[in-house]
C-alpha atoms as a PDB file:
ATOM      1  CA  MET A   1      -0.055   0.333   0.093  1.00  0.00           C
ATOM      2  CA  THR A   2       1.049   3.531  -0.263  1.00  0.00           C
ATOM      3  CA  THR A   3       1.837   5.934   2.346  1.00  0.00           C
ATOM      4  CA  ASP A   4       0.734   9.597   3.037  1.00  0.00           C
ATOM      5  CA  THR A   5       4.102  11.104   1.321  1.00  0.00           C
ATOM      6  CA  ASP A   6       2.661   9.954  -2.000  1.00  0.00           C
ATOM      7  CA  GLY A   7      -0.547  11.600  -2.346  1.00  0.00           C
ATOM      8  CA  ASP A   8      -1.435  15.053  -4.228  1.00  0.00           C
ATOM      9  CA  PRO A   9      -1.877  17.413  -1.616  1.00  0.00           C
ATOM     10  CA  GLY A  10      -4.946  18.843  -3.068  1.00  0.00           C
ATOM     11  CA  ASP A  11      -6.866  15.690  -3.147  1.00  0.00           C
ATOM     12  CA  PRO A  12      -9.203  15.232  -0.513  1.00  0.00           C
ATOM     13  CA  ALA A  13      -8.666  12.504   2.024  1.00  0.00           C
ATOM     14  CA  LEU A  14     -11.852  10.535   2.294  1.00  0.00           C
ATOM     15  CA  THR A  15     -12.596   7.513   3.940  1.00  0.00           C
ATOM     16  CA  ILE A  16     -13.764   4.249   2.606  1.00  0.00           C
ATOM     17  CA  ASP A  17     -17.043   5.159   3.725  1.00  0.00           C
ATOM     18  CA  GLU A  18     -16.853   8.838   2.586  1.00  0.00           C
ATOM     19  CA  LEU A  19     -15.569   7.142  -1.171  1.00  0.00           C
ATOM     20  CA  ALA A  20     -18.303   4.705  -1.347  1.00  0.00           C
ATOM     21  CA  ALA A  21     -20.961   7.546  -0.227  1.00  0.00           C
ATOM     22  CA  ARG A  22     -19.401   9.979  -2.876  1.00  0.00           C
ATOM     23  CA  ALA A  23     -19.680   7.197  -5.567  1.00  0.00           C
ATOM     24  CA  GLY A  24     -22.853   6.091  -4.946  1.00  0.00           C
ATOM     25  CA  THR A  25     -22.142   2.566  -3.780  1.00  0.00           C
ATOM     26  CA  THR A  26     -21.158   0.241  -0.866  1.00  0.00           C
ATOM     27  CA  VAL A  27     -18.239   0.070   1.228  1.00  0.00           C
ATOM     28  CA  ARG A  28     -18.410  -3.724   0.562  1.00  0.00           C
ATOM     29  CA  THR A  29     -18.324  -3.097  -3.348  1.00  0.00           C
ATOM     30  CA  VAL A  30     -15.101  -0.796  -3.238  1.00  0.00           C
ATOM     31  CA  ARG A  31     -13.293  -3.404  -1.188  1.00  0.00           C
ATOM     32  CA  PHE A  32     -14.135  -6.040  -3.621  1.00  0.00           C
ATOM     33  CA  TYR A  33     -13.397  -3.791  -6.340  1.00  0.00           C
ATOM     34  CA  GLY A  34      -9.841  -3.552  -4.697  1.00  0.00           C
ATOM     35  CA  THR A  35      -9.175  -6.947  -4.373  1.00  0.00           C
ATOM     36  CA  LYS A  36     -10.136  -7.479  -8.085  1.00  0.00           C
ATOM     37  CA  GLY A  37      -7.250  -4.603  -8.796  1.00  0.00           C
ATOM     38  CA  LEU A  38      -9.842  -2.501 -10.421  1.00  0.00           C
ATOM     39  CA  LEU A  39      -8.938  -0.043  -7.793  1.00  0.00           C
ATOM     40  CA  PRO A  40      -5.181   1.108  -6.560  1.00  0.00           C
ATOM     41  CA  PRO A  41      -5.024   1.122  -2.742  1.00  0.00           C
ATOM     42  CA  PRO A  42      -5.291   3.573  -0.294  1.00  0.00           C
ATOM     43  CA  VAL A  43      -2.915   5.969   0.683  1.00  0.00           C
ATOM     44  CA  ILE A  44      -2.334   5.207   4.573  1.00  0.00           C
ATOM     45  CA  GLY A  45      -2.643   7.958   6.656  1.00  0.00           C
ATOM     46  CA  PRO A  46      -2.421   8.322  10.876  1.00  0.00           C
ATOM     47  CA  ARG A  47      -3.799   5.481  12.614  1.00  0.00           C
ATOM     48  CA  ARG A  48      -3.065   2.677   9.649  1.00  0.00           C
ATOM     49  CA  VAL A  49      -6.510   4.579   8.359  1.00  0.00           C
ATOM     50  CA  GLY A  50      -6.951   4.131   4.495  1.00  0.00           C
ATOM     51  CA  HIS A  51      -7.738   7.525   2.487  1.00  0.00           C
ATOM     52  CA  TYR A  52      -8.974   7.738  -0.990  1.00  0.00           C
ATOM     53  CA  GLY A  53      -9.252  10.462  -3.555  1.00  0.00           C
ATOM     54  CA  ARG A  54     -10.114  11.750  -6.791  1.00  0.00           C
ATOM     55  CA  ASP A  55      -8.568   9.386  -9.084  1.00  0.00           C
ATOM     56  CA  HIS A  56     -10.336   6.381  -7.074  1.00  0.00           C
ATOM     57  CA  LEU A  57     -13.684   8.257  -7.521  1.00  0.00           C
ATOM     58  CA  ALA A  58     -12.969   8.634 -11.386  1.00  0.00           C
ATOM     59  CA  ARG A  59     -12.005   4.906 -11.421  1.00  0.00           C
ATOM     60  CA  LEU A  60     -15.263   3.939  -9.858  1.00  0.00           C
ATOM     61  CA  ALA A  61     -17.107   6.098 -12.450  1.00  0.00           C
ATOM     62  CA  LEU A  62     -15.406   4.533 -15.100  1.00  0.00           C
ATOM     63  CA  ILE A  63     -16.290   1.172 -13.569  1.00  0.00           C
ATOM     64  CA  GLU A  64     -19.890   2.136 -13.094  1.00  0.00           C
ATOM     65  CA  GLU A  65     -20.565   3.662 -16.869  1.00  0.00           C
ATOM     66  CA  LEU A  66     -19.214   0.067 -18.235  1.00  0.00           C
ATOM     67  CA  GLN A  67     -21.319  -1.661 -15.826  1.00  0.00           C
ATOM     68  CA  HIS A  68     -24.023   0.628 -17.374  1.00  0.00           C
ATOM     69  CA  GLN A  69     -23.207  -0.537 -21.166  1.00  0.00           C
ATOM     70  CA  GLY A  70     -23.680  -3.933 -20.190  1.00  0.00           C
ATOM     71  CA  MET A  71     -20.236  -5.246 -19.860  1.00  0.00           C
ATOM     72  CA  THR A  72     -19.770  -8.184 -17.461  1.00  0.00           C
ATOM     73  CA  LEU A  73     -17.055  -8.210 -14.466  1.00  0.00           C
ATOM     74  CA  ALA A  74     -14.453 -10.109 -16.577  1.00  0.00           C
ATOM     75  CA  ALA A  75     -14.674  -7.916 -19.074  1.00  0.00           C
ATOM     76  CA  ILE A  76     -14.469  -4.934 -17.416  1.00  0.00           C
ATOM     77  CA  GLU A  77     -11.390  -6.576 -15.754  1.00  0.00           C
ATOM     78  CA  ARG A  78     -10.024  -7.029 -19.422  1.00  0.00           C
ATOM     79  CA  TYR A  79     -10.789  -3.585 -20.084  1.00  0.00           C
ATOM     80  CA  VAL A  80      -9.366  -2.071 -17.096  1.00  0.00           C
ATOM     81  CA  ARG A  81      -6.010  -4.117 -17.511  1.00  0.00           C
ATOM     82  CA  ARG A  82      -5.692  -2.832 -21.025  1.00  0.00           C
ATOM     83  CA  LEU A  83      -5.540   0.784 -19.917  1.00  0.00           C
ATOM     84  CA  PRO A  84      -2.122   2.484 -19.829  1.00  0.00           C
ATOM     85  CA  PRO A  85      -0.362   2.776 -16.326  1.00  0.00           C
ATOM     86  CA  GLY A  86      -0.701   5.971 -14.661  1.00  0.00           C
ATOM     87  CA  LEU A  87      -3.645   7.323 -16.081  1.00  0.00           C
ATOM     88  CA  THR A  88      -4.697  10.608 -14.368  1.00  0.00           C
ATOM     89  CA  ARG A  89      -8.251  11.212 -13.182  1.00  0.00           C
ATOM     90  CA  HIS A  90      -8.657  13.624 -16.271  1.00  0.00           C
ATOM     91  CA  GLU A  91      -7.249  10.959 -18.543  1.00  0.00           C
ATOM     92  CA  LEU A  92     -10.019   8.510 -16.878  1.00  0.00           C
ATOM     93  CA  ALA A  93     -12.725  10.980 -17.112  1.00  0.00           C
ATOM     94  CA  VAL A  94     -11.979  10.896 -20.846  1.00  0.00           C
ATOM     95  CA  HIS A  95     -12.239   6.944 -21.106  1.00  0.00           C
ATOM     96  CA  ARG A  96     -15.248   7.169 -19.084  1.00  0.00           C
ATOM     97  CA  ALA A  97     -16.963   9.910 -21.510  1.00  0.00           C
ATOM     98  CA  VAL A  98     -15.692   8.076 -24.480  1.00  0.00           C
ATOM     99  CA  VAL A  99     -17.511   4.763 -22.957  1.00  0.00           C
ATOM    100  CA  ALA A 100     -20.767   6.999 -22.390  1.00  0.00           C
ATOM    101  CA  SER A 101     -20.780   7.828 -26.175  1.00  0.00           C
ATOM    102  CA  TRP A 102     -21.561   4.068 -26.634  1.00  0.00           C
ATOM    103  CA  ALA A 103     -25.255   4.287 -25.467  1.00  0.00           C
ATOM    104  CA  PRO A 104     -27.302   5.330 -28.519  1.00  0.00           C
ATOM    105  CA  ASP A 105     -28.884   8.093 -26.824  1.00  0.00           C
ATOM    106  CA  ALA A 106     -27.496   9.008 -23.506  1.00  0.00           C
ATOM    107  CA  GLU A 107     -29.030  12.392 -22.624  1.00  0.00           C
ATOM    108  CA  GLU A 108     -31.347  13.417 -19.448  1.00  0.00           C
ATOM    109  CA  THR A 109     -33.288  16.102 -18.806  1.00  0.00           C
ATOM    110  CA  VAL A 110     -32.373  17.224 -15.177  1.00  0.00           C
ATOM    111  CA  THR A 111     -33.231  19.918 -12.834  1.00  0.00           C
ATOM    112  CA  ALA A 112     -30.695  22.938 -11.987  1.00  0.00           C
ATOM    113  CA  GLY A 113     -30.239  21.331  -8.736  1.00  0.00           C
ATOM    114  CA  GLU A 114     -29.602  17.997 -10.043  1.00  0.00           C
ATOM    115  CA  LEU A 115     -26.801  19.531 -12.741  1.00  0.00           C
ATOM    116  CA  ARG A 116     -24.823  20.709 -10.005  1.00  0.00           C
ATOM    117  CA  ARG A 117     -25.210  17.827  -7.822  1.00  0.00           C
ATOM    118  CA  ARG A 118     -23.888  15.442 -10.703  1.00  0.00           C
ATOM    119  CA  ALA A 119     -21.064  18.179 -11.417  1.00  0.00           C
ATOM    120  CA  GLY A 120     -19.690  17.613  -8.253  1.00  0.00           C
ATOM    121  CA  ARG A 121     -18.976  21.326  -7.488  1.00  0.00           C
ATOM    122  CA  PRO A 122     -21.021  24.633  -7.311  1.00  0.00           C
ATOM    123  CA  LEU A 123     -21.708  26.044 -10.615  1.00  0.00           C
ATOM    124  CA  ASP A 124     -22.347  29.624 -11.133  1.00  0.00           C
ATOM    125  CA  GLU A 125     -24.358  30.920 -14.441  1.00  0.00           C
ATOM    126  CA  GLU A 126     -21.129  31.713 -16.203  1.00  0.00           C
ATOM    127  CA  ASP A 127     -20.231  28.061 -15.734  1.00  0.00           C
ATOM    128  CA  VAL A 128     -23.564  26.734 -17.105  1.00  0.00           C
ATOM    129  CA  GLU A 129     -23.128  29.138 -20.157  1.00  0.00           C
ATOM    130  CA  ARG A 130     -19.946  27.565 -20.694  1.00  0.00           C
ATOM    131  CA  LEU A 131     -21.207  24.103 -20.433  1.00  0.00           C
ATOM    132  CA  ALA A 132     -24.044  24.750 -22.824  1.00  0.00           C
ATOM    133  CA  ALA A 133     -21.293  26.774 -25.309  1.00  0.00           C
ATOM    134  CA  MET A 134     -19.621  23.334 -25.219  1.00  0.00           C
ATOM    135  CA  ASP A 135     -22.945  21.451 -26.209  1.00  0.00           C
ATOM    136  CA  VAL A 136     -22.758  19.473 -23.179  1.00  0.00           C
ATOM    137  CA  VAL A 137     -25.849  21.360 -21.180  1.00  0.00           C
ATOM    138  CA  ARG A 138     -28.790  22.757 -23.181  1.00  0.00           C
ATOM    139  CA  PRO A 139     -31.659  24.841 -21.140  1.00  0.00           C
ATOM    140  CA  GLU A 140     -35.153  22.960 -21.631  1.00  0.00           C
ATOM    141  CA  GLY A 141     -37.860  24.633 -19.449  1.00  0.00           C
ATOM    142  CA  ASP A 142     -37.441  24.709 -16.063  1.00  0.00           C
ATOM    143  CA  GLY A 143     -34.314  22.279 -16.426  1.00  0.00           C
ATOM    144  CA  TYR A 144     -31.375  21.412 -18.473  1.00  0.00           C
ATOM    145  CA  ARG A 145     -30.847  18.572 -21.107  1.00  0.00           C
ATOM    146  CA  VAL A 146     -27.638  16.791 -20.214  1.00  0.00           C
ATOM    147  CA  ASP A 147     -25.030  14.381 -21.677  1.00  0.00           C
ATOM    148  CA  PRO A 148     -24.361  12.801 -18.363  1.00  0.00           C
ATOM    149  CA  GLY A 149     -21.057  11.010 -19.861  1.00  0.00           C
ATOM    150  CA  LEU A 150     -19.562  14.004 -21.087  1.00  0.00           C
ATOM    151  CA  LEU A 151     -20.901  16.126 -18.187  1.00  0.00           C
ATOM    152  CA  ARG A 152     -17.938  15.557 -15.581  1.00  0.00           C
ATOM    153  CA  LEU A 153     -15.376  16.049 -18.253  1.00  0.00           C
ATOM    154  CA  ALA A 154     -16.760  19.523 -19.418  1.00  0.00           C
ATOM    155  CA  VAL A 155     -16.880  20.494 -15.589  1.00  0.00           C
ATOM    156  CA  GLU A 156     -13.074  19.490 -15.666  1.00  0.00           C
ATOM    157  CA  LEU A 157     -12.568  21.787 -18.627  1.00  0.00           C
ATOM    158  CA  LEU A 158     -14.077  24.761 -16.799  1.00  0.00           C
ATOM    159  CA  ASP A 159     -10.758  24.803 -14.959  1.00  0.00           C
ATOM    160  CA  VAL A 160      -8.452  24.630 -17.771  1.00  0.00           C
ATOM    161  CA  PRO A 161      -6.704  27.857 -18.826  1.00  0.00           C
ATOM    162  CA  LEU A 162      -8.289  27.910 -22.247  1.00  0.00           C
ATOM    163  CA  SER A 163     -10.330  30.118 -23.829  1.00  0.00           C
ATOM    164  CA  GLU A 164     -14.020  29.065 -24.639  1.00  0.00           C
ATOM    165  CA  LYS A 165     -12.992  29.621 -28.335  1.00  0.00           C
ATOM    166  CA  ALA A 166      -9.989  27.298 -27.990  1.00  0.00           C
ATOM    167  CA  ILE A 167     -12.203  24.822 -26.574  1.00  0.00           C
ATOM    168  CA  LEU A 168     -14.859  25.103 -29.234  1.00  0.00           C
ATOM    169  CA  ALA A 169     -12.083  25.020 -32.059  1.00  0.00           C
ATOM    170  CA  ALA A 170     -10.623  21.822 -30.475  1.00  0.00           C
ATOM    171  CA  ARG A 171     -13.974  20.247 -30.497  1.00  0.00           C
ATOM    172  CA  THR A 172     -14.677  20.769 -34.100  1.00  0.00           C
ATOM    173  CA  VAL A 173     -11.149  19.352 -35.177  1.00  0.00           C
ATOM    174  CA  LEU A 174     -11.964  16.462 -33.005  1.00  0.00           C
ATOM    175  CA  THR A 175     -15.353  15.849 -34.606  1.00  0.00           C
ATOM    176  CA  GLU A 176     -14.425  16.158 -38.077  1.00  0.00           C
ATOM    177  CA  HIS A 177     -11.190  13.647 -37.603  1.00  0.00           C
ATOM    178  CA  ALA A 178     -13.365  11.159 -35.510  1.00  0.00           C
ATOM    179  CA  ARG A 179     -16.182  11.043 -38.455  1.00  0.00           C
ATOM    180  CA  ALA A 180     -13.229  10.334 -40.977  1.00  0.00           C
ATOM    181  CA  ALA A 181     -11.640   7.726 -39.027  1.00  0.00           C
ATOM    182  CA  ALA A 182     -15.303   6.274 -38.168  1.00  0.00           C
ATOM    183  CA  ARG A 183     -16.065   6.271 -42.271  1.00  0.00           C
ATOM    184  CA  GLU A 184     -12.613   4.666 -43.250  1.00  0.00           C
ATOM    185  CA  LEU A 185     -13.031   1.800 -40.469  1.00  0.00           C
ATOM    186  CA  SER A 186     -16.579   1.491 -41.901  1.00  0.00           C
ATOM    187  CA  LEU A 187     -15.614   0.876 -45.156  1.00  0.00           C
ATOM    188  CA  LEU A 188     -12.742  -1.274 -44.010  1.00  0.00           C
ATOM    189  CA  PHE A 189     -14.857  -3.818 -42.106  1.00  0.00           C
ATOM    190  CA  ARG A 190     -17.924  -3.772 -44.673  1.00  0.00           C
ATOM    191  CA  ALA A 191     -16.075  -6.028 -46.834  1.00  0.00           C
ATOM    192  CA  GLU A 192     -15.302  -8.247 -44.013  1.00  0.00           C
ATOM    193  CA  VAL A 193     -18.844  -8.628 -42.908  1.00  0.00           C
ATOM    194  CA  ALA A 194     -20.494  -8.483 -46.322  1.00  0.00           C
ATOM    195  CA  GLU A 195     -20.803 -12.282 -46.710  1.00  0.00           C
ATOM    196  CA  ARG A 196     -21.996 -12.853 -43.249  1.00  0.00           C
ATOM    197  CA  ALA A 197     -25.438 -13.668 -41.511  1.00  0.00           C
ATOM    198  CA  GLU A 198     -27.096 -10.444 -39.708  1.00  0.00           C
ATOM    199  CA  ALA A 199     -26.517 -12.220 -36.130  1.00  0.00           C
ATOM    200  CA  ASP A 200     -22.963 -12.671 -36.801  1.00  0.00           C
ATOM    201  CA  VAL A 201     -22.357  -9.232 -38.230  1.00  0.00           C
ATOM    202  CA  LYS A 202     -24.013  -7.521 -34.689  1.00  0.00           C
ATOM    203  CA  SER A 203     -21.904  -9.745 -32.720  1.00  0.00           C
ATOM    204  CA  LEU A 204     -18.741  -8.710 -34.214  1.00  0.00           C
ATOM    205  CA  SER A 205     -19.983  -5.036 -33.754  1.00  0.00           C
ATOM    206  CA  ALA A 206     -20.563  -5.336 -30.284  1.00  0.00           C
ATOM    207  CA  HIS A 207     -17.587  -7.125 -29.735  1.00  0.00           C
ATOM    208  CA  MET A 208     -15.118  -4.577 -31.915  1.00  0.00           C
ATOM    209  CA  GLN A 209     -16.711  -1.503 -30.892  1.00  0.00           C
ATOM    210  CA  PRO A 210     -15.386  -0.967 -27.260  1.00  0.00           C
ATOM    211  CA  LEU A 211     -11.955  -2.315 -28.378  1.00  0.00           C
ATOM    212  CA  ILE A 212     -11.762  -0.213 -31.447  1.00  0.00           C
ATOM    213  CA  VAL A 213     -12.572   3.013 -29.451  1.00  0.00           C
ATOM    214  CA  GLN A 214     -10.388   2.160 -26.550  1.00  0.00           C
ATOM    215  CA  ALA A 215      -7.449   1.510 -29.495  1.00  0.00           C
ATOM    216  CA  LEU A 216      -8.304   5.029 -30.973  1.00  0.00           C
ATOM    217  CA  LEU A 217      -8.264   6.605 -27.613  1.00  0.00           C
ATOM    218  CA  THR A 218      -5.149   5.248 -26.107  1.00  0.00           C
ATOM    219  CA  THR A 219      -3.276   5.961 -29.605  1.00  0.00           C
ATOM    220  CA  PHE A 220      -4.563   9.306 -29.588  1.00  0.00           C
ATOM    221  CA  GLN A 221      -3.330  10.003 -26.115  1.00  0.00           C
ATOM    222  CA  ARG A 222       0.244   8.681 -26.835  1.00  0.00           C
ATOM    223  CA  SER A 223       0.386  10.732 -30.269  1.00  0.00           C
ATOM    224  CA  LEU A 224      -0.858  14.104 -28.497  1.00  0.00           C
ATOM    225  CA  ARG A 225       2.079  13.714 -25.732  1.00  0.00           C
ATOM    226  CA  ALA A 226       4.368  13.153 -28.456  1.00  0.00           C
ATOM    227  CA  GLU A 227       3.218  16.569 -30.243  1.00  0.00           C
ATOM    228  CA  VAL A 228       3.097  18.340 -26.986  1.00  0.00           C
ATOM    229  CA  HIS A 229       6.893  16.917 -26.136  1.00  0.00           C
ATOM    230  CA  GLN A 230       8.106  18.494 -29.647  1.00  0.00           C
ATOM    231  CA  TRP A 231       7.044  22.419 -28.789  1.00  0.00           C
ATOM    232  CA  LEU A 232       7.362  22.074 -24.731  1.00  0.00           C
ATOM    233  CA  PRO A 233      10.470  23.890 -23.871  1.00  0.00           C
ATOM    234  CA  VAL A 234      13.377  21.134 -23.303  1.00  0.00           C
ATOM    235  CA  THR A 235      15.322  20.764 -20.212  1.00  0.00           C
ATOM    236  CA  PRO A 236      18.951  20.760 -20.636  1.00  0.00           C
ATOM    237  CA  PRO A 237      20.807  17.397 -19.091  1.00  0.00           C
ATOM    238  CA  GLY A 238      22.427  18.202 -15.735  1.00  0.00           C
ATOM    239  CA  SER A 239      20.101  20.975 -14.812  1.00  0.00           C
ATOM    240  CA  GLU A 240      18.623  21.524 -11.365  1.00  0.00           C
ATOM    241  CA  GLU A 241      15.137  20.873 -12.763  1.00  0.00           C
ATOM    242  CA  GLY A 242      16.195  17.892 -14.736  1.00  0.00           C
ATOM    243  CA  ARG A 243      17.916  16.121 -12.099  1.00  0.00           C
ATOM    244  CA  SER A 244      14.800  16.637  -9.840  1.00  0.00           C
ATOM    245  CA  SER A 245      12.378  15.182 -12.336  1.00  0.00           C
END
């Protein structure tokens, strides 16, 4: 188990009871996921009490979404094992958003109070307007039409030092390239299933979709890191910063 020197100073120190309550699950379930390797071990604090943080919450949210999509425990274990090591809560939120997108229609209508509860943090009017600009939240009568899979990710973006214009431009780029990739993959697999029975085609699609999505996401994350490293300042070998990293 990890020690209290390994945690993020800004991370909330939650007991297992508090973690279960925040995640909407039970202590027994949290412990079960821990024994299965689906959750990292807690940070051990004073009096040998285990503390949990945002990364654990993000993992539980991802597991919940995988269950919502109908995946068995064995399939969830395989999915989690294939995740790149050391993912941050932000990257886990991206995976959860992608998994949620497998659902044909994931939108829900919620009240203003429910919107703020699901966001997991206070939201002022400007925050709600930015979420609406991202097309994650749409006013509808006295409530809001919300995409639950994208909500948490969009809330994280509220704290990113990017202008709304830059975020929307990035969304356009991602949407266009995602559609192009989907079109190319569709053409590629269409020839493979042309002579198969309809039931076989549906079964193949159900198995391939999560694998393809995860492969695309992992490849994108690695490519983005490589691109970012090209324009970030390079620390000279032997410098103080280089020795402390």
